[in-house]
C-alpha atoms as a PDB file:
ATOM      1  CA  MET A   1       2.451 -12.006  -9.448  1.00  0.00           C
ATOM      2  CA  VAL A   2       4.653 -10.766  -6.634  1.00  0.00           C
ATOM      3  CA  ALA A   3       3.913 -11.666  -3.007  1.00  0.00           C
ATOM      4  CA  GLY A   4       2.609  -8.671  -1.097  1.00  0.00           C
ATOM      5  CA  ILE A   5       1.774  -6.671  -4.254  1.00  0.00           C
ATOM      6  CA  LEU A   6      -1.688  -6.184  -5.751  1.00  0.00           C
ATOM      7  CA  ALA A   7      -2.372  -4.546  -9.120  1.00  0.00           C
ATOM      8  CA  LYS A   8      -5.862  -3.225  -9.836  1.00  0.00           C
ATOM      9  CA  MET A   9      -7.051  -2.003 -13.226  1.00  0.00           C
ATOM     10  CA  ALA A  10      -9.264   1.034 -13.787  1.00  0.00           C
ATOM     11  CA  THR A  11     -10.529   2.953 -16.804  1.00  0.00           C
ATOM     12  CA  GLN A  12     -11.420   6.535 -17.606  1.00  0.00           C
ATOM     13  CA  LYS A  13     -15.058   5.631 -16.913  1.00  0.00           C
ATOM     14  CA  ASP A  14     -14.119   4.573 -13.356  1.00  0.00           C
ATOM     15  CA  LEU A  15     -12.348   7.907 -12.831  1.00  0.00           C
ATOM     16  CA  ASP A  16     -15.280   9.809 -14.360  1.00  0.00           C
ATOM     17  CA  LYS A  17     -17.558   8.123 -11.808  1.00  0.00           C
ATOM     18  CA  GLY A  18     -15.442   9.606  -9.011  1.00  0.00           C
ATOM     19  CA  MET A  19     -12.921   6.841  -8.323  1.00  0.00           C
ATOM     20  CA  GLN A  20     -10.205   8.289  -6.090  1.00  0.00           C
ATOM     21  CA  ILE A  21      -6.688   6.894  -6.121  1.00  0.00           C
ATOM     22  CA  LYS A  22      -4.767   7.030  -2.861  1.00  0.00           C
ATOM     23  CA  SER A  23      -2.066   9.677  -2.749  1.00  0.00           C
ATOM     24  CA  ASN A  24       1.356   8.027  -3.017  1.00  0.00           C
ATOM     25  CA  ALA A  25      -0.087   5.017  -4.897  1.00  0.00           C
ATOM     26  CA  LEU A  26       2.140   3.806  -7.698  1.00  0.00           C
ATOM     27  CA  VAL A  27       0.398   3.774 -11.079  1.00  0.00           C
ATOM     28  CA  GLU A  28       0.988   2.919 -14.694  1.00  0.00           C
ATOM     29  CA  VAL A  29      -1.200   5.092 -16.940  1.00  0.00           C
ATOM     30  CA  ASN A  30      -2.031   4.489 -20.600  1.00  0.00           C
ATOM     31  CA  TRP A  31      -3.354   7.682 -22.156  1.00  0.00           C
ATOM     32  CA  LEU A  32      -3.754   9.503 -25.437  1.00  0.00           C
ATOM     33  CA  ASP A  33      -1.672  12.653 -25.780  1.00  0.00           C
ATOM     34  CA  ALA A  34      -1.736  15.422 -28.325  1.00  0.00           C
ATOM     35  CA  CYS A  35       0.750  14.971 -31.172  1.00  0.00           C
ATOM     36  CA  ALA A  36       2.148  17.275 -33.827  1.00  0.00           C
ATOM     37  CA  HIS A  37       2.419  15.853 -37.341  1.00  0.00           C
ATOM     38  CA  MET A  38       4.387  17.383 -40.211  1.00  0.00           C
ATOM     39  CA  ASN A  39       3.844  17.057 -43.968  1.00  0.00           C
ATOM     40  CA  VAL A  40       0.375  15.517 -43.684  1.00  0.00           C
ATOM     41  CA  GLU A  41      -0.982  14.943 -47.170  1.00  0.00           C
ATOM     42  CA  GLU A  42      -4.351  13.409 -46.385  1.00  0.00           C
ATOM     43  CA  ILE A  43      -6.746  13.331 -43.436  1.00  0.00           C
ATOM     44  CA  ASN A  44      -9.304  10.584 -42.974  1.00  0.00           C
ATOM     45  CA  LYS A  45     -12.042  12.264 -40.925  1.00  0.00           C
ATOM     46  CA  ASN A  46     -13.192   8.819 -39.714  1.00  0.00           C
ATOM     47  CA  LYS A  47      -9.777   8.078 -38.149  1.00  0.00           C
ATOM     48  CA  LEU A  48      -8.753  11.328 -36.466  1.00  0.00           C
ATOM     49  CA  ILE A  49      -7.967   9.408 -33.265  1.00  0.00           C
ATOM     50  CA  ASP A  50      -5.001   7.921 -35.148  1.00  0.00           C
ATOM     51  CA  PHE A  51      -3.316  11.347 -34.895  1.00  0.00           C
ATOM     52  CA  LEU A  52      -3.145  11.080 -31.104  1.00  0.00           C
ATOM     53  CA  CYS A  53      -0.091   9.553 -29.446  1.00  0.00           C
ATOM     54  CA  GLN A  54      -0.399   6.446 -27.226  1.00  0.00           C
ATOM     55  CA  THR A  55       1.542   7.357 -24.085  1.00  0.00           C
ATOM     56  CA  GLN A  56       2.637   5.374 -21.004  1.00  0.00           C
ATOM     57  CA  THR A  57       3.457   7.121 -17.739  1.00  0.00           C
ATOM     58  CA  MET A  58       4.541   5.495 -14.486  1.00  0.00           C
ATOM     59  CA  GLY A  59       4.952   7.148 -11.131  1.00  0.00           C
ATOM     60  CA  LYS A  60       3.441   8.135  -7.812  1.00  0.00           C
ATOM     61  CA  VAL A  61       0.039   9.835  -7.578  1.00  0.00           C
ATOM     62  CA  ILE A  62       0.428  13.195  -5.861  1.00  0.00           C
ATOM     63  CA  ALA A  63      -2.952  14.838  -6.554  1.00  0.00           C
ATOM     64  CA  GLN A  64      -6.275  14.212  -8.278  1.00  0.00           C
ATOM     65  CA  ASP A  65      -9.487  16.089  -8.937  1.00  0.00           C
ATOM     66  CA  LYS A  66     -12.395  15.425 -11.281  1.00  0.00           C
ATOM     67  CA  ASN A  67     -10.407  16.670 -14.296  1.00  0.00           C
ATOM     68  CA  VAL A  68      -6.732  15.899 -13.703  1.00  0.00           C
ATOM     69  CA  LEU A  69      -4.476  13.155 -12.336  1.00  0.00           C
ATOM     70  CA  CYS A  70      -1.029  14.467 -11.278  1.00  0.00           C
ATOM     71  CA  ILE A  71       1.798  11.939 -11.200  1.00  0.00           C
ATOM     72  CA  ALA A  72       5.333  12.446  -9.939  1.00  0.00           C
ATOM     73  CA  THR A  73       7.729  10.677 -12.279  1.00  0.00           C
ATOM     74  CA  ASN A  74      10.786  11.667 -10.252  1.00  0.00           C
ATOM     75  CA  ILE A  75      11.071  12.842  -6.643  1.00  0.00           C
ATOM     76  CA  SER A  76      14.285  14.293  -5.249  1.00  0.00           C
ATOM     77  CA  ALA A  77      15.101  15.720  -1.808  1.00  0.00           C
ATOM     78  CA  ALA A  78      17.365  18.223  -3.595  1.00  0.00           C
ATOM     79  CA  ASN A  79      15.172  19.273  -6.529  1.00  0.00           C
ATOM     80  CA  GLY A  80      11.552  18.570  -5.597  1.00  0.00           C
ATOM     81  CA  ALA A  81       9.311  16.582  -7.957  1.00  0.00           C
ATOM     82  CA  ASP A  82       8.965  16.251 -11.707  1.00  0.00           C
ATOM     83  CA  ILE A  83       5.251  15.887 -12.364  1.00  0.00           C
ATOM     84  CA  ILE A  84       2.951  15.283 -15.283  1.00  0.00           C
ATOM     85  CA  ALA A  85      -0.675  16.407 -15.214  1.00  0.00           C
ATOM     86  CA  ILE A  86      -2.870  14.051 -17.262  1.00  0.00           C
ATOM     87  CA  PRO A  87      -6.426  15.039 -18.177  1.00  0.00           C
ATOM     88  CA  ILE A  88      -8.814  12.342 -16.866  1.00  0.00           C
ATOM     89  CA  LYS A  89     -10.657  12.355 -20.212  1.00  0.00           C
ATOM     90  CA  TRP A  90      -7.411  11.354 -21.980  1.00  0.00           C
ATOM     91  CA  ILE A  91      -6.816   8.227 -19.846  1.00  0.00           C
ATOM     92  CA  LYS A  92      -7.570   4.886 -21.518  1.00  0.00           C
ATOM     93  CA  TRP A  93      -6.693   2.712 -18.502  1.00  0.00           C
ATOM     94  CA  LEU A  94      -4.499   2.671 -15.466  1.00  0.00           C
ATOM     95  CA  LYS A  95      -3.007   0.046 -13.213  1.00  0.00           C
ATOM     96  CA  ILE A  96      -2.810   0.817  -9.493  1.00  0.00           C
ATOM     97  CA  ILE A  97       0.008  -1.011  -7.725  1.00  0.00           C
ATOM     98  CA  GLU A  98      -0.460  -1.456  -3.962  1.00  0.00           C
ATOM     99  CA  LYS A  99       1.206  -3.322  -1.123  1.00  0.00           C
ATOM    100  CA  THR A 100      -1.068  -5.908   0.473  1.00  0.00           C
ATOM    101  CA  ASN A 101       0.812  -6.189   3.758  1.00  0.00           C
END
């Protein structure tokens, strides 16, 4: 724990219920991304989720609607922002990092 810093956890269900994250909040997002797989010899239809890729993204929230959370992973005065748009339905959990003072 760091003095003056608060981390709150949220899940996809919280976001689905309309939870809004403050613009400029720092977040760590754990989400499932699409993955390409080569030379697959067998598919277990009961474990298709295993073909998705666990992904971690950290950055600053720049926009959110009911379907998408946009996070800036790099912001530069010279080159603008590098962003990633994460579908809300793909988020497993996220940690919101806020200043308390």
